[in-house]
Protein backbone atom coordinates (compact mmCIF):
# COMPACT_ATOMS: atom_id res chain seq x y z
CA MET A 1 6.21 -2.49 32.98
CA GLN A 2 9.49 -3.24 34.95
CA GLN A 3 12.60 -3.23 32.90
CA GLN A 4 13.59 -6.65 33.88
CA ILE A 5 10.38 -8.17 32.31
CA ILE A 6 11.03 -6.25 29.23
CA SER A 7 14.54 -7.47 29.06
CA LYS A 8 13.32 -11.01 29.88
CA LEU A 9 10.90 -10.97 26.97
CA THR A 10 13.46 -9.60 24.59
CA THR A 11 15.71 -12.38 25.34
CA GLU A 12 12.93 -14.95 24.91
CA LEU A 13 12.22 -13.59 21.52
CA LEU A 14 15.92 -13.51 20.36
CA GLU A 15 16.16 -17.21 21.55
CA ALA A 16 12.89 -18.20 19.81
CA GLU A 17 14.38 -16.71 16.46
CA GLU A 18 17.77 -18.42 16.99
CA LYS A 19 16.46 -21.83 18.05
CA LEU A 20 13.26 -21.85 15.80
CA ILE A 21 11.18 -22.62 18.85
CA PRO A 22 8.02 -20.26 19.32
CA VAL A 23 6.99 -18.97 22.65
CA GLU A 24 3.66 -18.57 24.26
CA PRO A 25 1.86 -15.45 23.39
CA LEU A 26 3.04 -12.62 25.34
CA SER A 27 -0.45 -11.31 25.61
CA THR A 28 -1.65 -14.34 27.41
CA ARG A 29 1.28 -14.45 29.98
CA PHE A 30 1.44 -10.63 30.63
CA PRO A 31 -2.14 -9.20 29.99
CA GLU A 32 -0.77 -5.88 31.43
CA LEU A 33 1.47 -5.55 28.46
CA SER A 34 0.88 -2.31 26.74
CA VAL A 35 1.62 -1.47 23.04
CA LYS A 36 4.20 1.07 24.28
CA ASP A 37 5.98 -1.76 26.33
CA SER A 38 5.96 -3.84 23.21
CA TYR A 39 7.79 -1.24 21.27
CA HIS A 40 10.45 -0.90 23.98
CA ILE A 41 10.86 -4.71 23.66
CA GLN A 42 11.21 -4.29 19.95
CA LEU A 43 13.75 -1.38 20.49
CA GLN A 44 15.77 -3.46 22.86
CA TRP A 45 15.63 -6.44 20.31
CA VAL A 46 17.07 -4.02 17.80
CA GLU A 47 19.83 -2.74 20.25
CA ARG A 48 20.84 -6.45 20.84
CA LYS A 49 21.01 -7.04 17.20
CA LEU A 50 23.10 -4.05 16.59
CA GLU A 51 25.53 -5.11 19.30
CA GLU A 52 25.94 -8.32 17.44
CA GLY A 53 27.14 -6.28 14.33
CA ARG A 54 23.82 -6.08 12.43
CA VAL A 55 22.87 -3.00 10.52
CA ILE A 56 19.45 -1.27 10.27
CA ILE A 57 18.67 -0.96 6.55
CA GLY A 58 14.94 0.10 6.77
CA LYS A 59 11.44 -0.14 8.28
CA LYS A 60 8.32 -2.09 7.68
CA VAL A 61 4.73 -1.17 8.31
CA GLY A 62 2.11 -3.82 9.07
CA LEU A 63 -1.60 -3.92 9.69
CA THR A 64 -2.39 -1.30 7.08
CA SER A 65 -5.48 -3.20 5.91
CA LYS A 66 -8.85 -2.68 7.51
CA ALA A 67 -9.36 -6.43 7.64
CA MET A 68 -6.18 -7.06 9.53
CA GLN A 69 -6.95 -4.23 11.82
CA ASN A 70 -10.38 -5.66 12.64
CA MET A 71 -8.90 -8.99 13.03
CA LEU A 72 -6.51 -7.85 15.91
CA GLY A 73 -8.99 -5.28 17.12
CA VAL A 74 -6.80 -2.23 16.57
CA ASP A 75 -7.45 0.99 14.68
CA GLU A 76 -3.89 1.78 13.38
CA PRO A 77 -0.86 -0.10 11.74
CA ASP A 78 2.24 -1.16 13.50
CA TYR A 79 5.85 -1.17 12.40
CA GLY A 80 9.20 -2.98 12.71
CA HIS A 81 12.86 -2.71 11.68
CA LEU A 82 14.62 -4.26 8.63
CA LEU A 83 18.11 -5.30 9.41
CA ASP A 84 20.93 -6.26 6.77
CA HIS A 85 20.61 -10.14 7.23
CA MET A 86 16.84 -9.89 6.27
CA LYS A 87 17.27 -8.50 2.77
CA VAL A 88 17.69 -11.02 -0.08
CA SER A 89 17.61 -10.46 -3.77
CA THR A 90 14.74 -11.64 -6.05
CA GLY A 91 15.19 -15.24 -7.28
CA THR A 92 17.02 -16.43 -4.10
CA VAL A 93 16.41 -19.89 -2.83
CA LEU A 94 15.74 -20.06 0.94
CA SER A 95 15.63 -23.02 3.20
CA ARG A 96 12.29 -23.73 4.95
CA LYS A 97 14.47 -25.14 7.77
CA ASP A 98 15.47 -21.38 8.66
CA PHE A 99 11.93 -20.49 9.63
CA ILE A 100 9.18 -21.42 12.08
CA LYS A 101 6.03 -21.10 10.19
CA PRO A 102 6.59 -18.59 7.33
CA LYS A 103 4.06 -16.66 5.17
CA VAL A 104 4.50 -14.25 2.43
CA GLU A 105 3.04 -10.88 1.43
CA ALA A 106 3.58 -8.63 -1.65
CA GLU A 107 4.46 -5.04 -1.18
CA ILE A 108 5.39 -1.91 -2.97
CA GLY A 109 8.83 -0.92 -1.50
CA PHE A 110 10.26 2.59 -1.28
CA ILE A 111 13.94 3.55 -1.37
CA LEU A 112 14.44 6.89 0.20
CA LYS A 113 16.89 9.69 -1.11
CA ASP A 114 16.09 12.18 1.74
CA ASP A 115 15.47 11.78 5.44
CA LEU A 116 11.94 12.12 6.64
CA GLN A 117 11.27 13.47 10.14
CA GLY A 118 7.93 13.52 11.70
CA PRO A 119 5.58 14.71 13.14
CA ASN A 120 4.02 16.44 10.15
CA VAL A 121 5.09 14.40 7.11
CA THR A 122 2.61 14.02 4.32
CA TYR A 123 2.43 11.49 1.48
CA ILE A 124 3.53 14.26 -0.97
CA ASP A 125 6.66 14.57 1.29
CA VAL A 126 7.08 10.92 0.95
CA LEU A 127 6.90 10.94 -2.90
CA MET A 128 9.32 13.83 -3.06
CA ALA A 129 11.78 12.11 -0.67
CA THR A 130 11.62 8.84 -2.72
CA GLU A 131 14.38 7.73 -5.09
CA ALA A 132 12.95 4.54 -6.39
CA LEU A 133 10.21 2.00 -5.96
CA VAL A 134 10.92 -1.63 -5.76
CA PRO A 135 8.75 -4.85 -6.05
CA THR A 136 8.97 -6.65 -2.71
CA LEU A 137 7.92 -9.80 -1.03
CA GLU A 138 8.04 -9.73 2.72
CA ILE A 139 8.44 -13.16 4.44
CA ILE A 140 6.91 -12.97 7.90
CA ASP A 141 7.46 -15.53 10.61
CA SER A 142 5.99 -15.13 14.01
CA ARG A 143 8.01 -16.28 17.03
CA ILE A 144 4.80 -16.55 18.81
CA GLU A 145 3.42 -19.96 18.98
CA ASP A 146 0.86 -20.88 16.12
CA TRP A 147 0.49 -17.17 15.03
CA LYS A 148 -1.86 -16.66 18.15
CA ILE A 149 -0.98 -13.02 18.08
CA LYS A 150 -2.53 -9.83 19.40
CA LEU A 151 -1.02 -6.21 18.61
CA VAL A 152 1.29 -6.43 21.53
CA ASP A 153 2.64 -9.66 20.46
CA THR A 154 3.60 -8.73 16.85
CA VAL A 155 5.01 -5.27 17.90
CA ALA A 156 7.22 -6.93 20.48
CA ASP A 157 8.24 -9.60 17.72
CA ASN A 158 9.39 -6.73 15.35
CA GLY A 159 6.31 -6.91 13.30
CA SER A 160 6.69 -10.64 12.75
CA SER A 161 9.35 -9.78 10.09
CA ALA A 162 11.89 -12.33 8.72
CA ARG A 163 12.99 -11.47 5.19
CA ALA A 164 12.65 -8.77 2.48
CA VAL A 165 12.89 -10.03 -0.99
CA VAL A 166 13.87 -7.15 -3.15
CA GLY A 167 13.45 -6.81 -6.96
CA LYS A 168 14.90 -4.25 -9.42
CA PRO A 169 14.44 -0.66 -8.63
CA PHE A 170 12.05 1.48 -10.73
CA TYR A 171 13.14 5.08 -10.79
CA GLU A 172 10.40 6.86 -13.12
CA ILE A 173 7.97 7.32 -9.97
CA ASP A 174 5.76 9.81 -11.82
CA GLN A 175 4.80 7.14 -14.40
CA ILE A 176 2.97 4.97 -11.87
CA ASP A 177 -0.35 5.73 -10.16
CA LEU A 178 0.55 3.83 -6.83
CA ARG A 179 -2.93 3.83 -5.61
CA MET A 180 -4.24 1.80 -8.64
CA LEU A 181 -1.15 -0.20 -9.28
CA SER A 182 -2.24 -3.76 -9.56
CA MET A 183 -0.61 -6.87 -8.03
CA THR A 184 -1.00 -10.51 -8.69
CA MET A 185 0.70 -13.15 -6.69
CA LEU A 186 1.32 -16.71 -7.91
CA LYS A 187 2.40 -19.68 -5.78
CA ASN A 188 3.52 -22.58 -7.78
CA GLY A 189 2.07 -21.21 -10.96
CA GLU A 190 -1.41 -20.57 -9.57
CA ILE A 191 -2.93 -17.27 -8.65
CA ARG A 192 -3.14 -17.05 -5.02
CA ALA A 193 -3.77 -13.44 -4.23
CA THR A 194 -4.41 -10.16 -6.09
CA GLY A 195 -4.46 -6.53 -4.89
CA ALA A 196 -3.64 -2.84 -5.59
CA GLY A 197 -1.63 -0.10 -3.85
CA ALA A 198 -4.72 1.34 -2.28
CA ALA A 199 -4.83 -1.62 -0.04
CA ALA A 200 -2.05 0.11 2.16
CA LEU A 201 -3.94 2.90 3.94
CA GLY A 202 -5.44 4.15 0.54
CA HIS A 203 -2.10 4.80 -0.92
CA PRO A 204 1.28 3.29 0.08
CA ALA A 205 2.89 6.66 0.49
CA HIS A 206 0.31 7.30 3.25
CA ALA A 207 1.72 4.46 5.07
CA VAL A 208 5.16 5.59 4.84
CA ALA A 209 4.10 9.05 6.08
CA TRP A 210 2.19 7.38 9.01
CA LEU A 211 5.51 5.60 9.83
CA ALA A 212 7.47 8.71 9.83
CA ASN A 213 5.13 10.49 12.12
CA LYS A 214 4.83 7.51 14.47
CA LEU A 215 8.63 7.21 14.69
CA ALA A 216 8.68 10.88 16.01
CA ASP A 217 7.18 9.58 19.21
CA TYR A 218 10.48 7.66 19.80
CA ASP A 219 12.75 10.35 18.54
CA MET A 220 13.55 8.38 15.35
CA SER A 221 13.21 9.22 11.62
CA LEU A 222 13.32 7.48 8.18
CA LYS A 223 16.88 7.85 6.70
CA ALA A 224 18.03 8.36 3.20
CA GLY A 225 18.94 5.09 1.52
CA GLU A 226 16.60 3.08 3.73
CA LEU A 227 14.15 0.54 2.35
CA ILE A 228 10.50 1.07 3.62
CA LEU A 229 7.78 -1.43 3.20
CA PRO A 230 4.40 0.18 3.49
CA GLY A 231 2.21 -2.83 4.01
CA ALA A 232 0.87 -5.96 2.19
CA LEU A 233 -1.58 -5.49 -0.80
CA SER A 234 -3.42 -8.80 0.07
CA SER A 235 -3.53 -11.43 2.73
CA ALA A 236 -0.48 -13.50 3.48
CA ILE A 237 -0.08 -16.86 2.26
CA ASP A 238 1.72 -19.95 3.76
CA LEU A 239 5.10 -21.02 2.53
CA GLU A 240 6.41 -24.66 2.51
CA SER A 241 9.43 -26.58 1.00
CA GLY A 242 9.14 -26.77 -2.73
CA ASP A 243 7.10 -23.64 -2.94
CA GLU A 244 7.87 -20.79 -5.55
CA VAL A 245 6.14 -17.47 -5.23
CA THR A 246 6.13 -14.60 -7.76
CA ALA A 247 4.46 -11.27 -7.41
CA THR A 248 4.00 -8.98 -10.34
CA PHE A 249 3.16 -5.21 -9.98
CA GLY A 250 2.40 -3.88 -13.55
CA LYS A 251 4.95 -1.40 -14.62
CA LEU A 252 7.08 -1.99 -11.52
CA GLY A 253 8.00 -5.42 -12.46
CA SER A 254 8.29 -8.72 -10.61
CA VAL A 255 9.90 -10.38 -7.59
CA SER A 256 10.13 -14.05 -6.85
CA ILE A 257 11.38 -16.47 -4.05
CA SER A 258 11.65 -20.03 -3.73
CA PHE A 259 11.77 -22.64 -0.67
CA CYS A 260 13.83 -25.60 -0.63
CA GLU A 261 14.11 -28.13 2.34
């Protein structure tokens, strides 16, 4: 795809985020748009953010469940970048006015102590490179109108990422069976979703390994100190003003977020 079109779509997505006015699906307007093109849009989006003074603090993996992959007609996950303005602490109150049409997912976050460079990273490598686990809520918010997304749309839109709500780090990694770790998510005191670590590619460390290996295609790696979100443990739920969401992950602990007007 011509570089000028990639730059044009990057600008569209940046303005949609700033003005909170979504754009028509890229996949509809540009049916020739490839996944590789979309990752170049994402990377240009990141470059523009870095020029504004933002800092990369990690990465996120999406579409790790078979249900989500089937829905979008894909056979592998996608990923996006986490920047410093996206990270918020558990218990934070956010304004609904800062988002277009937000949803929330519960994830087991990884904080790395070593770099991970693909292409041959395994889930064992991931576990050995992990300093701590952290209960996390990811707020996703598509800049594409009405969430009418295909894979190329969400990739270009940085994996539809908006915020990462981070709880207290847990350092005794060998005390947790991540595959079997349960998750319960409550919205306004009612159970709205449940899941387990196995929902993220069978084991969340597999999802992190996939990411490290995928990034090698673009000469990138995962860095020590980064926060890595390996994918949701259940379907996303909608967020509106007045909502309070808490996710509990067994021994790992809990994380919560509230939305005001």
